[in-house]
Structure formats: structure tokens, C-alpha cells
Protein backbone atom coordinates (compact mmCIF):
# COMPACT_ATOMS: atom_id res chain seq x y z
CA CYS A 1 106.26 83.89 98.80
CA HIS A 2 107.38 79.96 98.32
CA HIS A 3 110.74 79.80 100.20
CA VAL A 4 112.08 77.31 96.77
CA THR A 5 110.34 78.49 93.86
CA GLY A 6 109.75 82.10 94.74
CA GLU A 7 105.95 81.41 94.15
CA CYS A 8 103.23 83.93 95.49
CA SER A 9 99.93 82.31 96.95
CA CYS A 10 98.21 85.74 96.72
CA PRO A 11 95.54 86.92 99.76
CA PRO A 12 91.71 86.87 98.02
CA GLY A 13 91.33 90.10 95.37
CA TRP A 14 94.83 90.25 94.34
CA THR A 15 97.02 88.40 91.14
CA GLY A 16 100.45 88.56 89.57
CA HIS A 17 103.63 87.15 90.25
CA ASP A 18 104.27 89.60 93.05
CA CYS A 19 100.10 90.06 94.01
CA LYS A 20 100.19 93.77 93.47
CA HIS A 21 97.32 93.84 90.25
CA PRO A 22 94.05 93.20 91.56
CA CYS A 23 91.24 91.17 90.49
CA SER A 24 89.64 92.52 87.20
CA SER A 25 86.41 93.93 87.09
CA GLY A 26 83.92 90.78 87.22
CA ARG A 27 86.12 89.14 89.19
CA TRP A 28 87.46 88.05 92.65
CA GLY A 29 88.32 85.45 95.24
CA GLN A 30 92.02 83.57 95.36
CA ASP A 31 93.53 84.16 92.03
CA CYS A 32 90.94 86.01 90.81
CA ALA A 33 88.76 82.78 90.09
CA ASN A 34 85.24 83.38 90.93
CA SER A 35 83.30 85.58 88.93
CA CYS A 36 81.03 88.07 90.18
CA ALA A 37 77.45 87.20 90.32
CA CYS A 38 75.24 90.36 90.41
CA ASP A 39 72.35 90.87 88.21
CA GLY A 40 71.68 94.28 88.63
CA GLY A 41 73.08 97.13 89.70
CA ASP A 42 76.65 98.01 88.31
CA GLY A 43 77.33 94.10 88.33
CA GLY A 44 80.77 94.34 90.45
CA CYS A 45 81.43 92.87 93.69
CA ASP A 46 84.38 93.22 96.54
CA PRO A 47 87.65 91.76 94.67
CA ALA A 48 87.89 89.96 98.06
CA THR A 49 84.65 88.23 98.89
CA GLY A 50 82.22 88.89 95.96
CA THR A 51 79.75 90.61 97.51
CA CYS A 52 77.97 92.68 94.98
CA SER A 53 78.12 96.31 95.02
CA CYS A 54 74.35 97.78 94.37
CA GLN A 55 73.67 100.60 92.84
CA PRO A 56 69.91 102.49 94.05
CA GLY A 57 66.96 100.39 93.52
CA PHE A 58 68.98 97.21 93.70
CA THR A 59 68.98 94.97 96.56
CA GLY A 60 69.51 91.79 98.00
CA GLN A 61 72.87 88.57 97.95
CA HIS A 62 72.74 89.31 94.04
CA CYS A 63 71.06 92.91 93.35
CA GLN A 64 67.93 91.83 91.90
């Protein structure tokens, strides 16, 4: 956290004043500012990297 303001800079995948809240489903990255771009499967992605989680039968970067 910033030594003067007390504001935290959360690592990718985490949010909130104290950085203790994971990104909500479908969001990822610094301050959870990015939307998952996963077409097939469960539509979810890794909250830190944005890597899609593909269900069986779906492959590729966006689970197509």
C-alpha cells in the first residue's frame, strides 16, 4: 500500500481496498478491469492472466 495515501495497488486478479477480493466471474487483470474473451466452455478465465478455462470439446485461446 502507498505509504502516504494508504491506497493499495492490488496484484492482477484481486481487487478491493485491502486486495482480499478475487475478481468476479468473467473479469481478470489489474483492478479486474478486463473482460474474459472465452467463447465456449464455461466462459470463465484465470483472474490473473485471462487464460480461458475450456470445457471438454472446446479448444484454443478462446475455447472455440
